């Protein structure tokens, strides 16, 4: 089943993000926007963290491992070198539960393969189709 999100502009830089029965508001920080929602970059980082957390919980449930909860902090960093700015995403994952070092290593392997992370780290093609609409 294809996953679809519709995005509609609102006042200033506010943007309504809609997927099925779910909605949220994206915006730019104060000074550029009105800071009424997460920025598009924050939404992307949140998607990476949420995917890692969900993937790890599913894996633990399937294995019967005692993973109580997961906390993921995702940060966008800029690496400077050779005259170019290269973005780097750093994901810090905390696992809570009575887990072994071997399980931690397996979780690290599994987290690196969550679907959203693979989507943004692979060479995914993005195509645009732009049409004029009447108001």
N, C-alpha and C. Protein backbone atom coordinates (compact mmCIF):
# COMPACT_ATOMS: atom_id res chain seq x y z
N UNK A 1 0.84 -1.17 0.00
CA UNK A 1 0.00 0.00 0.00
C UNK A 1 0.89 1.24 0.00
N UNK A 2 0.71 2.15 -0.96
CA UNK A 2 1.53 3.36 -0.99
C UNK A 2 1.20 4.26 0.20
N UNK A 3 2.23 4.89 0.72
CA UNK A 3 2.02 5.84 1.81
C UNK A 3 2.03 7.23 1.22
N UNK A 4 0.98 7.99 1.54
CA UNK A 4 0.81 9.31 0.95
C UNK A 4 0.62 10.35 2.04
N UNK A 5 1.27 11.47 1.87
CA UNK A 5 1.12 12.61 2.76
C UNK A 5 0.77 13.80 1.89
N UNK A 6 -0.22 14.58 2.30
CA UNK A 6 -0.59 15.81 1.62
C UNK A 6 -0.15 16.98 2.49
N UNK A 7 0.45 17.96 1.86
CA UNK A 7 0.95 19.13 2.59
C UNK A 7 0.28 20.37 2.01
N UNK A 8 -0.32 21.19 2.89
CA UNK A 8 -1.00 22.42 2.45
C UNK A 8 -0.42 23.63 3.15
N UNK A 9 -0.10 24.66 2.37
CA UNK A 9 0.42 25.88 2.98
C UNK A 9 -0.70 26.62 3.69
N UNK A 10 -0.32 27.30 4.76
CA UNK A 10 -1.24 28.14 5.53
C UNK A 10 -0.60 29.51 5.68
N UNK A 11 -0.96 30.26 6.70
CA UNK A 11 -0.42 31.61 6.91
C UNK A 11 1.09 31.57 7.10
N UNK A 12 1.75 32.61 6.58
CA UNK A 12 3.20 32.74 6.69
C UNK A 12 3.86 31.46 6.18
N UNK A 13 4.68 30.77 6.99
CA UNK A 13 5.32 29.53 6.55
C UNK A 13 4.68 28.29 7.19
N UNK A 14 3.57 28.49 7.88
CA UNK A 14 2.89 27.35 8.49
C UNK A 14 2.43 26.39 7.40
N UNK A 15 2.56 25.10 7.68
CA UNK A 15 2.23 24.07 6.71
C UNK A 15 1.48 22.95 7.41
N UNK A 16 0.33 22.61 6.89
CA UNK A 16 -0.47 21.51 7.43
C UNK A 16 -0.04 20.23 6.72
N UNK A 17 0.32 19.21 7.51
CA UNK A 17 0.73 17.92 6.99
C UNK A 17 -0.36 16.92 7.32
N UNK A 18 -0.91 16.25 6.29
CA UNK A 18 -2.07 15.37 6.48
C UNK A 18 -1.76 14.00 5.89
N UNK A 19 -2.05 12.97 6.68
CA UNK A 19 -1.93 11.60 6.19
C UNK A 19 -3.09 10.81 6.79
N UNK A 20 -4.06 10.48 5.95
CA UNK A 20 -5.25 9.77 6.45
C UNK A 20 -5.97 10.63 7.46
N UNK A 21 -6.21 10.08 8.64
CA UNK A 21 -6.92 10.83 9.69
C UNK A 21 -5.99 11.63 10.60
N UNK A 22 -4.68 11.62 10.30
CA UNK A 22 -3.69 12.29 11.15
C UNK A 22 -3.25 13.60 10.53
N UNK A 23 -3.06 14.61 11.39
CA UNK A 23 -2.62 15.92 10.95
C UNK A 23 -1.60 16.48 11.93
N UNK A 24 -0.69 17.28 11.41
CA UNK A 24 0.21 18.04 12.27
C UNK A 24 0.59 19.31 11.55
N UNK A 25 1.20 20.22 12.28
CA UNK A 25 1.57 21.52 11.74
C UNK A 25 3.08 21.62 11.70
N UNK A 26 3.61 21.97 10.55
CA UNK A 26 5.04 22.25 10.41
C UNK A 26 5.19 23.76 10.25
N UNK A 27 6.32 24.28 10.69
CA UNK A 27 6.58 25.72 10.60
C UNK A 27 8.08 25.94 10.68
N UNK A 28 8.50 27.15 10.49
CA UNK A 28 9.89 27.52 10.66
C UNK A 28 10.04 28.21 12.02
N UNK A 29 11.26 28.19 12.58
CA UNK A 29 11.47 28.82 13.88
C UNK A 29 11.15 30.32 13.87
N UNK A 30 10.90 30.86 15.06
CA UNK A 30 10.63 32.28 15.23
C UNK A 30 11.72 33.09 14.54
N UNK A 31 11.34 34.18 13.94
CA UNK A 31 12.28 35.01 13.20
C UNK A 31 12.16 34.76 11.70
N UNK A 32 11.82 33.54 11.34
CA UNK A 32 11.54 33.20 9.94
C UNK A 32 10.06 32.88 9.83
N UNK A 33 9.61 31.97 10.68
CA UNK A 33 8.21 31.59 10.72
C UNK A 33 7.61 31.97 12.07
N UNK A 34 6.54 31.30 12.45
CA UNK A 34 5.85 31.59 13.70
C UNK A 34 6.13 30.56 14.79
N UNK A 35 6.96 29.55 14.52
CA UNK A 35 7.35 28.52 15.48
C UNK A 35 6.15 27.78 16.07
N UNK A 36 5.16 27.48 15.21
CA UNK A 36 3.95 26.79 15.67
C UNK A 36 4.01 25.28 15.47
N UNK A 37 5.10 24.81 14.92
CA UNK A 37 5.29 23.38 14.69
C UNK A 37 6.74 23.11 14.40
N UNK A 38 7.07 21.84 14.22
CA UNK A 38 8.44 21.47 13.90
C UNK A 38 8.78 21.91 12.49
N UNK A 39 10.06 22.19 12.28
CA UNK A 39 10.52 22.53 10.93
C UNK A 39 10.57 21.26 10.10
N UNK A 40 10.61 21.38 8.78
CA UNK A 40 10.73 20.19 7.94
C UNK A 40 11.93 19.31 8.31
N UNK A 41 13.06 19.94 8.66
CA UNK A 41 14.23 19.16 9.07
C UNK A 41 13.96 18.40 10.35
N UNK A 42 13.30 19.04 11.31
CA UNK A 42 12.96 18.36 12.56
C UNK A 42 12.00 17.20 12.32
N UNK A 43 11.07 17.38 11.39
CA UNK A 43 10.15 16.29 11.04
C UNK A 43 10.92 15.10 10.47
N UNK A 44 11.89 15.37 9.60
CA UNK A 44 12.70 14.30 9.03
C UNK A 44 13.50 13.59 10.11
N UNK A 45 14.14 14.34 10.99
CA UNK A 45 14.90 13.73 12.08
C UNK A 45 13.98 12.92 12.99
N UNK A 46 12.78 13.44 13.25
CA UNK A 46 11.81 12.71 14.05
C UNK A 46 11.38 11.41 13.39
N UNK A 47 11.23 11.43 12.07
CA UNK A 47 10.86 10.22 11.35
C UNK A 47 11.96 9.17 11.45
N UNK A 48 13.21 9.59 11.38
CA UNK A 48 14.33 8.65 11.52
C UNK A 48 14.35 8.04 12.92
N UNK A 49 14.18 8.88 13.94
CA UNK A 49 14.18 8.39 15.32
C UNK A 49 12.99 7.49 15.62
N UNK A 50 11.81 7.88 15.15
CA UNK A 50 10.61 7.07 15.38
C UNK A 50 10.73 5.72 14.70
N UNK A 51 11.27 5.71 13.49
CA UNK A 51 11.43 4.46 12.76
C UNK A 51 12.40 3.53 13.49
N UNK A 52 13.50 4.07 13.97
CA UNK A 52 14.46 3.25 14.72
C UNK A 52 13.81 2.66 15.96
N UNK A 53 13.10 3.49 16.71
CA UNK A 53 12.45 3.03 17.94
C UNK A 53 11.43 1.92 17.65
N UNK A 54 10.58 2.16 16.67
CA UNK A 54 9.55 1.18 16.32
C UNK A 54 10.18 -0.12 15.82
N UNK A 55 11.19 0.00 14.96
CA UNK A 55 11.86 -1.18 14.41
C UNK A 55 12.48 -2.01 15.52
N UNK A 56 13.15 -1.35 16.48
CA UNK A 56 13.78 -2.07 17.58
C UNK A 56 12.75 -2.74 18.49
N UNK A 57 11.65 -2.07 18.75
CA UNK A 57 10.61 -2.66 19.60
C UNK A 57 9.97 -3.87 18.91
N UNK A 58 9.75 -3.77 17.60
CA UNK A 58 9.20 -4.91 16.86
C UNK A 58 10.17 -6.09 16.90
N UNK A 59 11.45 -5.80 16.71
CA UNK A 59 12.46 -6.85 16.71
C UNK A 59 12.53 -7.52 18.09
N UNK A 60 12.53 -6.72 19.15
CA UNK A 60 12.59 -7.27 20.51
C UNK A 60 11.36 -8.13 20.80
N UNK A 61 10.19 -7.68 20.37
CA UNK A 61 8.97 -8.45 20.59
C UNK A 61 9.04 -9.79 19.86
N UNK A 62 9.54 -9.77 18.63
CA UNK A 62 9.64 -11.00 17.85
C UNK A 62 10.62 -11.99 18.50
N UNK A 63 11.71 -11.45 19.07
CA UNK A 63 12.74 -12.29 19.70
C UNK A 63 12.40 -12.65 21.15
N UNK A 64 11.41 -11.95 21.74
CA UNK A 64 11.09 -12.18 23.14
C UNK A 64 12.13 -11.59 24.08
N UNK A 65 12.82 -10.53 23.63
CA UNK A 65 13.85 -9.89 24.44
C UNK A 65 13.22 -8.84 25.36
N UNK A 66 13.79 -8.64 26.57
CA UNK A 66 13.18 -7.75 27.57
C UNK A 66 13.49 -6.27 27.35
N UNK A 67 13.16 -5.75 26.19
CA UNK A 67 13.35 -4.33 25.91
C UNK A 67 12.15 -3.59 26.48
N UNK A 68 12.40 -2.75 27.48
CA UNK A 68 11.31 -2.02 28.14
C UNK A 68 10.91 -0.77 27.37
N UNK A 69 11.92 -0.03 26.92
CA UNK A 69 11.64 1.17 26.13
C UNK A 69 12.90 1.60 25.41
N UNK A 70 12.71 2.49 24.45
CA UNK A 70 13.80 3.01 23.62
C UNK A 70 13.71 4.53 23.62
N UNK A 71 14.85 5.17 23.72
CA UNK A 71 14.92 6.63 23.61
C UNK A 71 15.94 6.96 22.53
N UNK A 72 15.52 7.72 21.53
CA UNK A 72 16.39 8.05 20.41
C UNK A 72 16.51 9.57 20.30
N UNK A 73 17.72 10.06 20.25
CA UNK A 73 18.00 11.47 20.00
C UNK A 73 18.68 11.55 18.64
N UNK A 74 18.13 12.34 17.74
CA UNK A 74 18.67 12.45 16.39
C UNK A 74 19.06 13.90 16.16
N UNK A 75 20.28 14.08 15.66
CA UNK A 75 20.82 15.44 15.49
C UNK A 75 21.42 15.59 14.10
N UNK A 76 21.18 16.73 13.51
CA UNK A 76 21.80 17.07 12.23
C UNK A 76 23.05 17.87 12.50
N UNK A 77 24.17 17.39 11.98
CA UNK A 77 25.44 18.09 12.12
C UNK A 77 25.93 18.47 10.73
N UNK A 78 26.76 19.47 10.67
CA UNK A 78 27.38 19.87 9.40
C UNK A 78 28.87 19.61 9.51
N UNK A 79 29.38 18.79 8.62
CA UNK A 79 30.82 18.54 8.56
C UNK A 79 31.41 19.51 7.56
N UNK A 80 32.47 20.17 7.95
CA UNK A 80 33.11 21.11 7.05
C UNK A 80 34.45 20.51 6.61
N UNK A 81 34.67 20.55 5.33
CA UNK A 81 35.94 20.04 4.82
C UNK A 81 35.98 20.13 3.32
N UNK A 82 37.15 20.38 2.81
CA UNK A 82 37.38 20.44 1.36
C UNK A 82 36.43 21.43 0.69
N UNK A 83 36.10 22.53 1.39
CA UNK A 83 35.31 23.59 0.79
C UNK A 83 33.82 23.30 0.66
N UNK A 84 33.33 22.23 1.30
CA UNK A 84 31.90 21.94 1.19
C UNK A 84 31.31 21.61 2.55
N UNK A 85 30.04 21.90 2.67
CA UNK A 85 29.26 21.57 3.87
C UNK A 85 28.60 20.22 3.63
N UNK A 86 28.93 19.24 4.44
CA UNK A 86 28.32 17.92 4.27
C UNK A 86 27.46 17.62 5.49
N UNK A 87 26.17 17.37 5.29
CA UNK A 87 25.33 17.04 6.43
C UNK A 87 25.63 15.64 6.95
N UNK A 88 25.50 15.47 8.25
CA UNK A 88 25.68 14.18 8.90
C UNK A 88 24.59 14.06 9.95
N UNK A 89 23.91 12.94 9.96
CA UNK A 89 22.87 12.71 10.96
C UNK A 89 23.43 11.75 12.00
N UNK A 90 23.38 12.17 13.25
CA UNK A 90 23.85 11.36 14.37
C UNK A 90 22.65 10.89 15.17
N UNK A 91 22.53 9.59 15.32
CA UNK A 91 21.43 8.98 16.07
C UNK A 91 22.00 8.33 17.33
N UNK A 92 21.54 8.79 18.48
CA UNK A 92 21.96 8.20 19.77
C UNK A 92 20.77 7.41 20.33
N UNK A 93 20.98 6.13 20.50
CA UNK A 93 19.89 5.24 20.92
C UNK A 93 20.19 4.70 22.31
N UNK A 94 19.24 4.89 23.23
CA UNK A 94 19.34 4.31 24.57
C UNK A 94 18.32 3.19 24.69
N UNK A 95 18.80 2.03 25.10
CA UNK A 95 17.94 0.86 25.28
C UNK A 95 17.75 0.61 26.77
N UNK A 96 16.51 0.46 27.19
CA UNK A 96 16.21 0.22 28.60
C UNK A 96 15.67 -1.20 28.74
N UNK A 97 16.24 -1.94 29.66
CA UNK A 97 15.82 -3.31 29.90
C UNK A 97 17.02 -4.15 30.29
N UNK A 98 16.77 -5.35 30.72
CA UNK A 98 17.82 -6.27 31.13
C UNK A 98 18.37 -6.97 29.89
N UNK A 99 19.28 -6.27 29.19
CA UNK A 99 19.78 -6.74 27.90
C UNK A 99 21.27 -7.04 27.99
N UNK A 100 21.74 -7.96 27.17
CA UNK A 100 23.15 -8.34 27.12
C UNK A 100 23.90 -7.48 26.10
N UNK A 101 25.21 -7.54 26.13
CA UNK A 101 26.04 -6.84 25.16
C UNK A 101 25.78 -7.39 23.75
N UNK A 102 25.56 -8.68 23.63
CA UNK A 102 25.26 -9.28 22.33
C UNK A 102 23.94 -8.74 21.78
N UNK A 103 22.95 -8.58 22.64
CA UNK A 103 21.67 -8.02 22.21
C UNK A 103 21.84 -6.56 21.80
N UNK A 104 22.65 -5.81 22.54
CA UNK A 104 22.92 -4.41 22.18
C UNK A 104 23.53 -4.32 20.78
N UNK A 105 24.49 -5.19 20.51
CA UNK A 105 25.12 -5.19 19.20
C UNK A 105 24.12 -5.52 18.10
N UNK A 106 23.24 -6.46 18.36
CA UNK A 106 22.23 -6.83 17.36
C UNK A 106 21.25 -5.68 17.13
N UNK A 107 20.86 -4.99 18.24
CA UNK A 107 19.98 -3.82 18.10
C UNK A 107 20.65 -2.73 17.28
N UNK A 108 21.95 -2.54 17.46
CA UNK A 108 22.67 -1.54 16.68
C UNK A 108 22.61 -1.89 15.18
N UNK A 109 22.79 -3.15 14.87
CA UNK A 109 22.71 -3.62 13.49
C UNK A 109 21.31 -3.40 12.92
N UNK A 110 20.28 -3.75 13.70
CA UNK A 110 18.89 -3.64 13.25
C UNK A 110 18.50 -2.17 13.08
N UNK A 111 18.90 -1.31 14.00
CA UNK A 111 18.55 0.12 13.93
C UNK A 111 19.08 0.75 12.64
N UNK A 112 20.26 0.33 12.21
CA UNK A 112 20.86 0.89 11.00
C UNK A 112 20.10 0.49 9.75
N UNK A 113 19.16 -0.43 9.89
CA UNK A 113 18.42 -0.91 8.73
C UNK A 113 16.93 -0.57 8.78
N UNK A 114 16.54 0.39 9.61
CA UNK A 114 15.13 0.76 9.65
C UNK A 114 14.74 1.36 8.29
N UNK A 115 13.49 1.16 7.87
CA UNK A 115 13.08 1.58 6.52
C UNK A 115 13.27 3.07 6.21
N UNK A 116 13.00 3.95 7.16
CA UNK A 116 13.14 5.40 6.87
C UNK A 116 14.61 5.76 6.71
N UNK A 117 15.45 5.21 7.57
CA UNK A 117 16.88 5.49 7.45
C UNK A 117 17.41 5.00 6.10
N UNK A 118 17.00 3.82 5.69
CA UNK A 118 17.43 3.32 4.39
C UNK A 118 16.93 4.22 3.27
N UNK A 119 15.73 4.72 3.42
CA UNK A 119 15.14 5.58 2.40
C UNK A 119 15.95 6.86 2.20
N UNK A 120 16.37 7.48 3.29
CA UNK A 120 17.10 8.75 3.17
C UNK A 120 18.59 8.56 2.94
N UNK A 121 19.15 7.39 3.27
CA UNK A 121 20.58 7.20 3.09
C UNK A 121 20.92 6.55 1.75
N UNK A 122 19.98 5.84 1.16
CA UNK A 122 20.19 5.28 -0.17
C UNK A 122 20.02 6.39 -1.20
N UNK A 123 20.32 6.10 -2.40
CA UNK A 123 20.14 7.08 -3.46
C UNK A 123 18.72 7.01 -3.98
N UNK A 124 17.79 7.47 -3.18
CA UNK A 124 16.38 7.48 -3.53
C UNK A 124 16.10 8.61 -4.51
N UNK A 125 15.44 8.29 -5.57
CA UNK A 125 15.09 9.30 -6.56
C UNK A 125 13.84 10.04 -6.10
N UNK A 126 13.87 11.35 -6.19
CA UNK A 126 12.70 12.18 -5.89
C UNK A 126 12.36 12.94 -7.16
N UNK A 127 11.14 12.77 -7.63
CA UNK A 127 10.67 13.45 -8.84
C UNK A 127 9.60 14.45 -8.45
N UNK A 128 9.54 15.56 -9.16
CA UNK A 128 8.52 16.57 -8.93
C UNK A 128 7.62 16.68 -10.16
N UNK A 129 6.33 16.78 -9.92
CA UNK A 129 5.36 17.10 -10.95
C UNK A 129 4.65 18.36 -10.48
N UNK A 130 4.81 19.46 -11.17
CA UNK A 130 4.24 20.74 -10.76
C UNK A 130 3.14 21.11 -11.73
N UNK A 131 1.96 21.45 -11.16
CA UNK A 131 0.81 21.85 -12.00
C UNK A 131 0.24 23.16 -11.46
N UNK A 132 -0.40 23.90 -12.32
CA UNK A 132 -1.07 25.13 -11.91
C UNK A 132 -2.49 24.76 -11.46
N UNK A 133 -2.92 25.34 -10.34
CA UNK A 133 -4.27 25.09 -9.83
C UNK A 133 -4.99 26.41 -9.67
N UNK A 134 -6.29 26.40 -9.88
CA UNK A 134 -7.10 27.61 -9.70
C UNK A 134 -7.51 27.72 -8.24
N UNK A 135 -7.48 28.94 -7.75
CA UNK A 135 -7.86 29.15 -6.34
C UNK A 135 -9.35 29.26 -6.16
